N, C-alpha and C. Protein backbone atom coordinates (compact mmCIF):
# COMPACT_ATOMS: atom_id res chain seq x y z
N MET A 1 -0.68 -77.46 5.86
CA MET A 1 -1.56 -76.55 5.27
C MET A 1 -1.10 -75.12 5.52
N THR A 2 -1.21 -74.33 4.51
CA THR A 2 -0.80 -72.94 4.67
C THR A 2 -2.00 -72.09 5.04
N GLN A 3 -1.71 -71.13 5.88
CA GLN A 3 -2.80 -70.24 6.28
C GLN A 3 -2.94 -69.12 5.27
N MET A 4 -4.15 -68.75 5.03
CA MET A 4 -4.42 -67.64 4.10
C MET A 4 -4.35 -66.33 4.87
N GLN A 5 -3.77 -65.33 4.20
CA GLN A 5 -3.72 -64.00 4.83
C GLN A 5 -5.02 -63.27 4.55
N THR A 6 -5.52 -62.63 5.57
CA THR A 6 -6.77 -61.90 5.40
C THR A 6 -6.47 -60.49 4.87
N PRO A 7 -7.30 -59.99 4.00
CA PRO A 7 -7.08 -58.63 3.49
C PRO A 7 -7.35 -57.60 4.59
N PRO A 8 -6.77 -56.41 4.45
CA PRO A 8 -6.98 -55.39 5.49
C PRO A 8 -8.45 -55.03 5.60
N ILE A 9 -8.83 -54.59 6.76
CA ILE A 9 -10.22 -54.26 7.02
C ILE A 9 -10.53 -52.91 6.35
N PRO A 10 -11.59 -52.87 5.55
CA PRO A 10 -11.92 -51.62 4.86
C PRO A 10 -12.27 -50.48 5.80
N GLU A 11 -12.87 -50.77 6.97
CA GLU A 11 -13.23 -49.71 7.90
C GLU A 11 -12.00 -48.97 8.40
N ALA A 12 -10.92 -49.67 8.67
CA ALA A 12 -9.70 -49.02 9.13
C ALA A 12 -9.15 -48.11 8.05
N LYS A 13 -9.26 -48.55 6.80
CA LYS A 13 -8.81 -47.74 5.69
C LYS A 13 -9.62 -46.45 5.60
N LYS A 14 -10.93 -46.54 5.80
CA LYS A 14 -11.79 -45.37 5.76
C LYS A 14 -11.44 -44.41 6.89
N ARG A 15 -11.14 -44.90 8.06
CA ARG A 15 -10.78 -44.05 9.18
C ARG A 15 -9.51 -43.26 8.91
N VAL A 16 -8.55 -43.91 8.32
CA VAL A 16 -7.30 -43.23 8.00
C VAL A 16 -7.55 -42.13 6.97
N SER A 17 -8.30 -42.43 5.95
CA SER A 17 -8.54 -41.42 4.93
C SER A 17 -9.41 -40.28 5.48
N LEU A 18 -10.33 -40.60 6.39
CA LEU A 18 -11.16 -39.56 6.99
C LEU A 18 -10.33 -38.65 7.88
N SER A 19 -9.42 -39.21 8.65
CA SER A 19 -8.58 -38.39 9.51
C SER A 19 -7.62 -37.53 8.68
N SER A 20 -7.11 -38.08 7.59
CA SER A 20 -6.22 -37.27 6.75
C SER A 20 -7.01 -36.16 6.05
N LEU A 21 -8.28 -36.43 5.72
CA LEU A 21 -9.13 -35.40 5.13
C LEU A 21 -9.39 -34.28 6.13
N ILE A 22 -9.64 -34.64 7.38
CA ILE A 22 -9.87 -33.63 8.43
C ILE A 22 -8.62 -32.79 8.62
N ILE A 23 -7.47 -33.42 8.66
CA ILE A 23 -6.21 -32.67 8.80
C ILE A 23 -6.01 -31.74 7.61
N PHE A 24 -6.28 -32.24 6.42
CA PHE A 24 -6.15 -31.39 5.23
C PHE A 24 -7.08 -30.18 5.30
N LEU A 25 -8.33 -30.38 5.72
CA LEU A 25 -9.29 -29.27 5.80
C LEU A 25 -8.89 -28.26 6.86
N VAL A 26 -8.37 -28.72 7.98
CA VAL A 26 -7.89 -27.80 9.02
C VAL A 26 -6.72 -26.97 8.51
N LEU A 27 -5.78 -27.62 7.84
CA LEU A 27 -4.63 -26.88 7.29
C LEU A 27 -5.06 -25.91 6.19
N ALA A 28 -6.00 -26.31 5.36
CA ALA A 28 -6.50 -25.42 4.30
C ALA A 28 -7.18 -24.20 4.91
N ALA A 29 -7.98 -24.40 5.95
CA ALA A 29 -8.64 -23.28 6.62
C ALA A 29 -7.61 -22.35 7.24
N TRP A 30 -6.56 -22.91 7.80
CA TRP A 30 -5.49 -22.11 8.40
C TRP A 30 -4.78 -21.28 7.35
N PHE A 31 -4.48 -21.87 6.19
CA PHE A 31 -3.82 -21.13 5.12
C PHE A 31 -4.72 -20.04 4.55
N VAL A 32 -6.01 -20.31 4.44
CA VAL A 32 -6.94 -19.29 3.96
C VAL A 32 -6.98 -18.12 4.94
N GLN A 33 -6.99 -18.42 6.22
CA GLN A 33 -7.00 -17.36 7.23
C GLN A 33 -5.73 -16.52 7.14
N LEU A 34 -4.58 -17.15 6.98
CA LEU A 34 -3.32 -16.41 6.82
C LEU A 34 -3.35 -15.54 5.57
N PHE A 35 -3.91 -16.06 4.49
CA PHE A 35 -4.00 -15.32 3.24
C PHE A 35 -4.88 -14.09 3.40
N VAL A 36 -6.02 -14.25 4.06
CA VAL A 36 -6.94 -13.12 4.26
C VAL A 36 -6.28 -12.05 5.13
N LEU A 37 -5.59 -12.45 6.18
CA LEU A 37 -4.90 -11.49 7.04
C LEU A 37 -3.79 -10.76 6.29
N SER A 38 -3.07 -11.48 5.44
CA SER A 38 -1.98 -10.83 4.71
C SER A 38 -2.51 -9.84 3.68
N ILE A 39 -3.66 -10.10 3.08
CA ILE A 39 -4.25 -9.14 2.15
C ILE A 39 -4.62 -7.86 2.89
N GLY A 40 -5.21 -8.00 4.06
CA GLY A 40 -5.57 -6.83 4.86
C GLY A 40 -4.35 -6.01 5.23
N ARG A 41 -3.29 -6.65 5.62
CA ARG A 41 -2.06 -5.93 5.97
C ARG A 41 -1.43 -5.28 4.75
N PHE A 42 -1.50 -5.94 3.60
CA PHE A 42 -0.96 -5.35 2.39
C PHE A 42 -1.73 -4.09 2.02
N LEU A 43 -3.06 -4.14 2.10
CA LEU A 43 -3.86 -2.96 1.77
C LEU A 43 -3.60 -1.83 2.75
N GLU A 44 -3.40 -2.17 4.02
CA GLU A 44 -3.08 -1.15 5.02
C GLU A 44 -1.73 -0.52 4.71
N PHE A 45 -0.74 -1.32 4.35
CA PHE A 45 0.57 -0.80 3.99
C PHE A 45 0.47 0.08 2.75
N ASN A 46 -0.31 -0.36 1.77
CA ASN A 46 -0.47 0.40 0.54
C ASN A 46 -1.09 1.77 0.83
N THR A 47 -2.05 1.82 1.73
CA THR A 47 -2.69 3.09 2.10
C THR A 47 -1.70 3.99 2.81
N ARG A 48 -0.93 3.42 3.73
CA ARG A 48 0.06 4.24 4.45
C ARG A 48 1.12 4.77 3.51
N SER A 49 1.56 3.98 2.56
CA SER A 49 2.59 4.45 1.63
C SER A 49 2.04 5.52 0.71
N ALA A 50 0.75 5.44 0.36
CA ALA A 50 0.14 6.49 -0.47
C ALA A 50 -0.01 7.78 0.31
N GLN A 51 -0.19 7.70 1.63
CA GLN A 51 -0.32 8.90 2.45
C GLN A 51 1.02 9.53 2.76
N TRP A 52 2.10 8.80 2.61
CA TRP A 52 3.42 9.31 2.93
C TRP A 52 3.80 10.45 2.00
N GLU A 53 3.54 10.31 0.70
CA GLU A 53 3.97 11.32 -0.27
C GLU A 53 3.40 12.70 -0.01
N PRO A 54 2.07 12.87 0.13
CA PRO A 54 1.56 14.23 0.34
C PRO A 54 2.04 14.82 1.67
N ASN A 55 2.15 14.02 2.71
CA ASN A 55 2.64 14.55 3.98
C ASN A 55 4.05 15.09 3.84
N TYR A 56 4.90 14.34 3.20
CA TYR A 56 6.29 14.75 3.01
C TYR A 56 6.38 16.00 2.15
N ASN A 57 5.69 16.01 1.01
CA ASN A 57 5.79 17.15 0.09
C ASN A 57 5.13 18.41 0.66
N LEU A 58 4.00 18.27 1.33
CA LEU A 58 3.35 19.45 1.91
C LEU A 58 4.18 20.06 3.03
N ARG A 59 4.84 19.24 3.80
CA ARG A 59 5.76 19.78 4.82
C ARG A 59 6.92 20.52 4.18
N ALA A 60 7.44 19.98 3.09
CA ALA A 60 8.56 20.63 2.40
C ALA A 60 8.11 21.96 1.79
N ILE A 61 6.90 22.00 1.20
CA ILE A 61 6.38 23.25 0.63
C ILE A 61 6.16 24.27 1.74
N ARG A 62 5.63 23.83 2.87
CA ARG A 62 5.40 24.73 4.01
C ARG A 62 6.72 25.33 4.49
N GLU A 63 7.74 24.50 4.64
CA GLU A 63 9.04 25.00 5.09
C GLU A 63 9.62 25.99 4.08
N ALA A 64 9.47 25.68 2.79
CA ALA A 64 9.97 26.60 1.76
C ALA A 64 9.22 27.93 1.82
N GLN A 65 7.91 27.89 2.03
CA GLN A 65 7.12 29.13 2.13
C GLN A 65 7.54 29.94 3.36
N LEU A 66 7.75 29.27 4.48
CA LEU A 66 8.17 29.98 5.69
C LEU A 66 9.54 30.62 5.51
N ASN A 67 10.45 29.91 4.87
CA ASN A 67 11.78 30.48 4.61
C ASN A 67 11.69 31.66 3.64
N TYR A 68 10.84 31.55 2.62
CA TYR A 68 10.66 32.64 1.67
C TYR A 68 10.06 33.86 2.38
N ARG A 69 9.10 33.62 3.25
CA ARG A 69 8.48 34.74 3.99
C ARG A 69 9.48 35.40 4.92
N LYS A 70 10.33 34.60 5.54
CA LYS A 70 11.34 35.16 6.43
C LYS A 70 12.32 36.04 5.66
N ALA A 71 12.64 35.64 4.44
CA ALA A 71 13.60 36.41 3.63
C ALA A 71 12.96 37.61 2.94
N HIS A 72 11.69 37.51 2.49
CA HIS A 72 11.08 38.57 1.67
C HIS A 72 9.91 39.27 2.34
N GLY A 73 9.43 38.79 3.46
CA GLY A 73 8.34 39.44 4.17
C GLY A 73 6.95 39.04 3.69
N VAL A 74 6.83 38.32 2.61
CA VAL A 74 5.54 37.86 2.09
C VAL A 74 5.69 36.40 1.65
N PHE A 75 4.54 35.72 1.54
CA PHE A 75 4.57 34.36 1.00
C PHE A 75 4.70 34.42 -0.51
N ALA A 76 5.30 33.40 -1.09
CA ALA A 76 5.45 33.33 -2.55
C ALA A 76 4.11 33.00 -3.18
N SER A 77 3.83 33.63 -4.32
CA SER A 77 2.61 33.34 -5.06
C SER A 77 2.84 33.71 -6.52
N GLY A 78 1.83 33.49 -7.34
CA GLY A 78 1.94 33.83 -8.75
C GLY A 78 2.17 32.62 -9.63
N PRO A 79 2.39 32.86 -10.92
CA PRO A 79 2.53 31.75 -11.86
C PRO A 79 3.84 30.97 -11.71
N ASP A 80 4.84 31.55 -11.05
CA ASP A 80 6.13 30.88 -10.85
C ASP A 80 6.40 30.64 -9.37
N CYS A 81 5.39 30.28 -8.65
CA CYS A 81 5.50 30.15 -7.20
C CYS A 81 6.55 29.11 -6.79
N PHE A 82 6.51 27.95 -7.38
CA PHE A 82 7.47 26.91 -7.00
C PHE A 82 8.89 27.28 -7.41
N SER A 83 9.05 28.01 -8.50
CA SER A 83 10.38 28.49 -8.89
C SER A 83 10.90 29.49 -7.87
N LEU A 84 10.02 30.38 -7.39
CA LEU A 84 10.42 31.35 -6.37
C LEU A 84 10.84 30.64 -5.08
N LEU A 85 10.14 29.59 -4.75
CA LEU A 85 10.45 28.84 -3.53
C LEU A 85 11.70 27.97 -3.70
N GLY A 86 12.00 27.60 -4.92
CA GLY A 86 13.10 26.68 -5.17
C GLY A 86 12.74 25.25 -4.81
N TRP A 87 11.45 24.95 -4.84
CA TRP A 87 11.00 23.60 -4.50
C TRP A 87 10.55 22.87 -5.74
N GLU A 88 10.92 21.60 -5.82
CA GLU A 88 10.49 20.75 -6.93
C GLU A 88 10.25 19.36 -6.39
N ALA A 89 9.19 18.72 -6.87
CA ALA A 89 8.88 17.36 -6.42
C ALA A 89 9.95 16.41 -6.92
N GLU A 90 10.25 15.42 -6.08
CA GLU A 90 11.25 14.42 -6.46
C GLU A 90 10.56 13.27 -7.18
N GLY A 91 10.90 13.05 -8.44
CA GLY A 91 10.34 11.93 -9.18
C GLY A 91 8.88 12.13 -9.53
N PHE A 92 8.21 11.02 -9.81
CA PHE A 92 6.80 11.03 -10.18
C PHE A 92 5.95 11.21 -8.93
N THR A 93 4.92 12.07 -9.02
CA THR A 93 4.02 12.27 -7.88
C THR A 93 2.63 11.75 -8.23
N GLN A 94 1.95 11.24 -7.23
CA GLN A 94 0.58 10.76 -7.42
C GLN A 94 -0.42 11.88 -7.25
N TYR A 95 0.01 12.98 -6.65
CA TYR A 95 -0.88 14.08 -6.34
C TYR A 95 -0.41 15.34 -7.06
N THR A 96 -1.30 16.33 -7.15
CA THR A 96 -0.96 17.62 -7.73
C THR A 96 -0.87 18.63 -6.60
N TYR A 97 0.19 19.43 -6.60
CA TYR A 97 0.42 20.43 -5.57
C TYR A 97 0.28 21.81 -6.19
N TYR A 98 -0.46 22.69 -5.53
CA TYR A 98 -0.72 24.03 -6.03
C TYR A 98 -0.09 25.07 -5.11
N CYS A 99 0.42 26.12 -5.74
CA CYS A 99 0.96 27.25 -5.00
C CYS A 99 0.68 28.48 -5.87
N GLY A 100 -0.22 29.34 -5.43
CA GLY A 100 -0.61 30.47 -6.27
C GLY A 100 -1.26 29.95 -7.53
N GLU A 101 -0.76 30.37 -8.66
CA GLU A 101 -1.28 29.90 -9.95
C GLU A 101 -0.47 28.75 -10.53
N ASP A 102 0.56 28.36 -9.83
CA ASP A 102 1.46 27.31 -10.29
C ASP A 102 1.02 25.96 -9.74
N SER A 103 1.29 24.90 -10.48
CA SER A 103 0.99 23.56 -10.00
C SER A 103 2.09 22.60 -10.44
N ILE A 104 2.35 21.65 -9.60
CA ILE A 104 3.31 20.58 -9.90
C ILE A 104 2.62 19.27 -9.55
N GLY A 105 2.75 18.29 -10.42
CA GLY A 105 2.20 16.99 -10.09
C GLY A 105 1.81 16.19 -11.29
N SER A 106 1.18 15.08 -11.02
CA SER A 106 0.88 14.11 -12.06
C SER A 106 -0.25 14.56 -12.97
N SER A 107 -1.22 15.32 -12.44
CA SER A 107 -2.36 15.68 -13.27
C SER A 107 -2.57 17.20 -13.32
N GLY A 108 -1.50 17.95 -13.18
CA GLY A 108 -1.61 19.39 -13.15
C GLY A 108 -2.15 19.97 -14.45
N ASP A 109 -1.74 19.44 -15.60
CA ASP A 109 -2.21 19.96 -16.87
C ASP A 109 -3.68 19.62 -17.11
N ALA A 110 -4.14 18.50 -16.60
CA ALA A 110 -5.52 18.10 -16.82
C ALA A 110 -6.49 18.92 -15.98
N ILE A 111 -6.04 19.44 -14.85
CA ILE A 111 -6.92 20.17 -13.95
C ILE A 111 -6.94 21.67 -14.27
N ARG A 112 -5.89 22.20 -14.82
CA ARG A 112 -5.83 23.64 -15.11
C ARG A 112 -6.94 24.08 -16.02
N ASN A 113 -7.46 25.26 -15.77
CA ASN A 113 -8.51 25.84 -16.62
C ASN A 113 -7.91 26.72 -17.69
């Protein structure tokens, strides 16, 4: 007589699937946490990079004004202030820079009266 093989126990099957579900949920929560942290760091980097431009350009304008004052005894002003200083923004700027009646920047024409 041949012995019949018994089918696997359904409870053991449920335990395996439950443990794999728990592992999946733990890993999903971990990935979500990494995603949230990376978004925060990206926004922080984006803010720092946006602050870099005005700091750099305002320091350059200040140095140009100090050099102009050293050479001429007064600060540069008037409608051609940046031409007198010999300063020009490099590339596209996100901000508008004013010197006397002159302005350089992305929205200088929109702000002028």
